[in-house]
Amino acid sequence: MNSPEIKKYIHEHSNLFWYTPEDKKEEISIEFLVETILNYGDKHEVIQLKYAHRNN
């Protein structure tokens, strides 16, 4: 189960998970989250993920 910080991060970057059904986004694994951000995100989103995960 993802922390509230990770869920917030996913919600804020929901457009990067365009191929994931809305009702499944909060359940994605950390591995999938990182892979998606590295593939489709930018430097700013990687840094935000670092801080969101640090609080986890």
N, C-alpha and C. Protein backbone atom coordinates (compact mmCIF):
# COMPACT_ATOMS: atom_id res chain seq x y z
N MET A 1 0.84 -1.18 0.00
CA MET A 1 0.00 0.00 0.00
C MET A 1 0.89 1.24 0.00
N ASN A 2 0.55 2.17 -0.84
CA ASN A 2 1.36 3.39 -0.97
C ASN A 2 1.01 4.39 0.13
N SER A 3 2.01 5.15 0.52
CA SER A 3 1.82 6.17 1.55
C SER A 3 0.96 7.31 1.00
N PRO A 4 0.42 8.15 1.87
CA PRO A 4 -0.34 9.31 1.41
C PRO A 4 0.50 10.24 0.51
N GLU A 5 1.79 10.37 0.80
CA GLU A 5 2.66 11.22 -0.03
C GLU A 5 2.81 10.67 -1.43
N ILE A 6 2.95 9.36 -1.55
CA ILE A 6 3.08 8.73 -2.87
C ILE A 6 1.75 8.83 -3.62
N LYS A 7 0.65 8.61 -2.94
CA LYS A 7 -0.66 8.74 -3.58
C LYS A 7 -0.88 10.16 -4.09
N LYS A 8 -0.47 11.14 -3.31
CA LYS A 8 -0.59 12.54 -3.72
C LYS A 8 0.27 12.78 -4.96
N TYR A 9 1.49 12.25 -4.95
CA TYR A 9 2.39 12.39 -6.09
C TYR A 9 1.76 11.79 -7.35
N ILE A 10 1.20 10.59 -7.22
CA ILE A 10 0.57 9.93 -8.36
C ILE A 10 -0.59 10.79 -8.88
N HIS A 11 -1.39 11.30 -7.97
CA HIS A 11 -2.52 12.15 -8.37
C HIS A 11 -2.05 13.40 -9.10
N GLU A 12 -0.99 14.04 -8.59
CA GLU A 12 -0.47 15.27 -9.20
C GLU A 12 0.14 15.03 -10.57
N HIS A 13 0.59 13.81 -10.82
CA HIS A 13 1.23 13.46 -12.10
C HIS A 13 0.42 12.41 -12.85
N SER A 14 -0.87 12.45 -12.65
CA SER A 14 -1.78 11.46 -13.21
C SER A 14 -1.66 11.33 -14.73
N ASN A 15 -1.34 12.42 -15.39
CA ASN A 15 -1.23 12.39 -16.85
C ASN A 15 -0.13 11.46 -17.35
N LEU A 16 0.88 11.20 -16.53
CA LEU A 16 1.96 10.29 -16.93
C LEU A 16 1.50 8.83 -16.92
N PHE A 17 0.41 8.56 -16.23
CA PHE A 17 -0.12 7.21 -16.12
C PHE A 17 -1.40 7.07 -16.93
N TRP A 18 -1.39 7.67 -18.10
CA TRP A 18 -2.56 7.73 -18.97
C TRP A 18 -3.10 6.35 -19.33
N TYR A 19 -2.28 5.33 -19.32
CA TYR A 19 -2.69 3.99 -19.74
C TYR A 19 -3.12 3.13 -18.55
N THR A 20 -3.11 3.71 -17.33
CA THR A 20 -3.54 3.00 -16.14
C THR A 20 -4.94 3.46 -15.77
N PRO A 21 -5.87 2.54 -15.55
CA PRO A 21 -7.22 2.94 -15.17
C PRO A 21 -7.21 3.81 -13.90
N GLU A 22 -8.08 4.79 -13.85
CA GLU A 22 -8.13 5.72 -12.72
C GLU A 22 -8.24 5.01 -11.38
N ASP A 23 -9.06 3.98 -11.32
CA ASP A 23 -9.27 3.30 -10.04
C ASP A 23 -8.10 2.41 -9.61
N LYS A 24 -7.09 2.29 -10.45
CA LYS A 24 -5.92 1.46 -10.13
C LYS A 24 -4.65 2.29 -9.89
N LYS A 25 -4.69 3.56 -10.16
CA LYS A 25 -3.48 4.38 -10.09
C LYS A 25 -2.85 4.41 -8.71
N GLU A 26 -3.65 4.53 -7.67
CA GLU A 26 -3.10 4.60 -6.32
C GLU A 26 -2.48 3.29 -5.87
N GLU A 27 -2.75 2.21 -6.58
CA GLU A 27 -2.27 0.88 -6.21
C GLU A 27 -0.98 0.47 -6.93
N ILE A 28 -0.48 1.32 -7.83
CA ILE A 28 0.70 0.91 -8.59
C ILE A 28 1.90 0.73 -7.66
N SER A 29 2.80 -0.14 -8.06
CA SER A 29 3.98 -0.41 -7.24
C SER A 29 4.99 0.74 -7.37
N ILE A 30 5.86 0.81 -6.39
CA ILE A 30 6.92 1.81 -6.43
C ILE A 30 7.81 1.59 -7.64
N GLU A 31 8.07 0.33 -7.98
CA GLU A 31 8.90 0.02 -9.14
C GLU A 31 8.28 0.55 -10.42
N PHE A 32 6.97 0.33 -10.57
CA PHE A 32 6.26 0.82 -11.75
C PHE A 32 6.23 2.34 -11.77
N LEU A 33 6.03 2.94 -10.61
CA LEU A 33 6.02 4.40 -10.50
C LEU A 33 7.36 4.98 -10.96
N VAL A 34 8.45 4.43 -10.46
CA VAL A 34 9.79 4.93 -10.83
C VAL A 34 10.03 4.72 -12.32
N GLU A 35 9.70 3.56 -12.83
CA GLU A 35 9.90 3.28 -14.26
C GLU A 35 9.13 4.28 -15.13
N THR A 36 7.89 4.55 -14.75
CA THR A 36 7.07 5.49 -15.52
C THR A 36 7.65 6.89 -15.47
N ILE A 37 8.07 7.34 -14.30
CA ILE A 37 8.64 8.69 -14.17
C ILE A 37 9.93 8.80 -14.96
N LEU A 38 10.77 7.78 -14.91
CA LEU A 38 12.02 7.83 -15.67
C LEU A 38 11.77 7.81 -17.18
N ASN A 39 10.73 7.10 -17.62
CA ASN A 39 10.43 7.02 -19.05
C ASN A 39 9.69 8.23 -19.59
N TYR A 40 8.76 8.78 -18.82
CA TYR A 40 7.89 9.82 -19.34
C TYR A 40 8.01 11.17 -18.63
N GLY A 41 8.64 11.16 -17.46
CA GLY A 41 8.76 12.40 -16.69
C GLY A 41 9.98 13.21 -17.08
N ASP A 42 10.18 14.28 -16.34
CA ASP A 42 11.36 15.11 -16.54
C ASP A 42 12.14 15.21 -15.23
N LYS A 43 13.20 15.98 -15.24
CA LYS A 43 14.08 16.10 -14.07
C LYS A 43 13.31 16.58 -12.85
N HIS A 44 12.43 17.53 -13.04
CA HIS A 44 11.65 18.08 -11.93
C HIS A 44 10.79 16.99 -11.28
N GLU A 45 10.17 16.16 -12.07
CA GLU A 45 9.32 15.09 -11.55
C GLU A 45 10.14 14.02 -10.83
N VAL A 46 11.35 13.76 -11.28
CA VAL A 46 12.23 12.80 -10.60
C VAL A 46 12.61 13.35 -9.23
N ILE A 47 12.93 14.62 -9.16
CA ILE A 47 13.29 15.23 -7.87
C ILE A 47 12.10 15.21 -6.92
N GLN A 48 10.91 15.52 -7.42
CA GLN A 48 9.71 15.48 -6.58
C GLN A 48 9.47 14.06 -6.06
N LEU A 49 9.69 13.06 -6.89
CA LEU A 49 9.51 11.68 -6.47
C LEU A 49 10.49 11.33 -5.36
N LYS A 50 11.69 11.80 -5.48
CA LYS A 50 12.71 11.55 -4.45
C LYS A 50 12.23 12.03 -3.10
N TYR A 51 11.68 13.23 -3.06
CA TYR A 51 11.21 13.78 -1.79
C TYR A 51 9.92 13.12 -1.32
N ALA A 52 9.05 12.73 -2.23
CA ALA A 52 7.82 12.04 -1.84
C ALA A 52 8.16 10.68 -1.24
N HIS A 53 9.11 9.99 -1.85
CA HIS A 53 9.49 8.66 -1.36
C HIS A 53 10.29 8.75 -0.06
N ARG A 54 11.04 9.80 0.11
CA ARG A 54 11.85 9.97 1.33
C ARG A 54 10.95 10.03 2.56
N ASN A 55 9.77 10.61 2.43
CA ASN A 55 8.84 10.73 3.55
C ASN A 55 8.10 9.42 3.81
N ASN A 56 8.29 8.45 2.95
CA ASN A 56 7.58 7.19 3.05
C ASN A 56 8.20 6.30 4.10
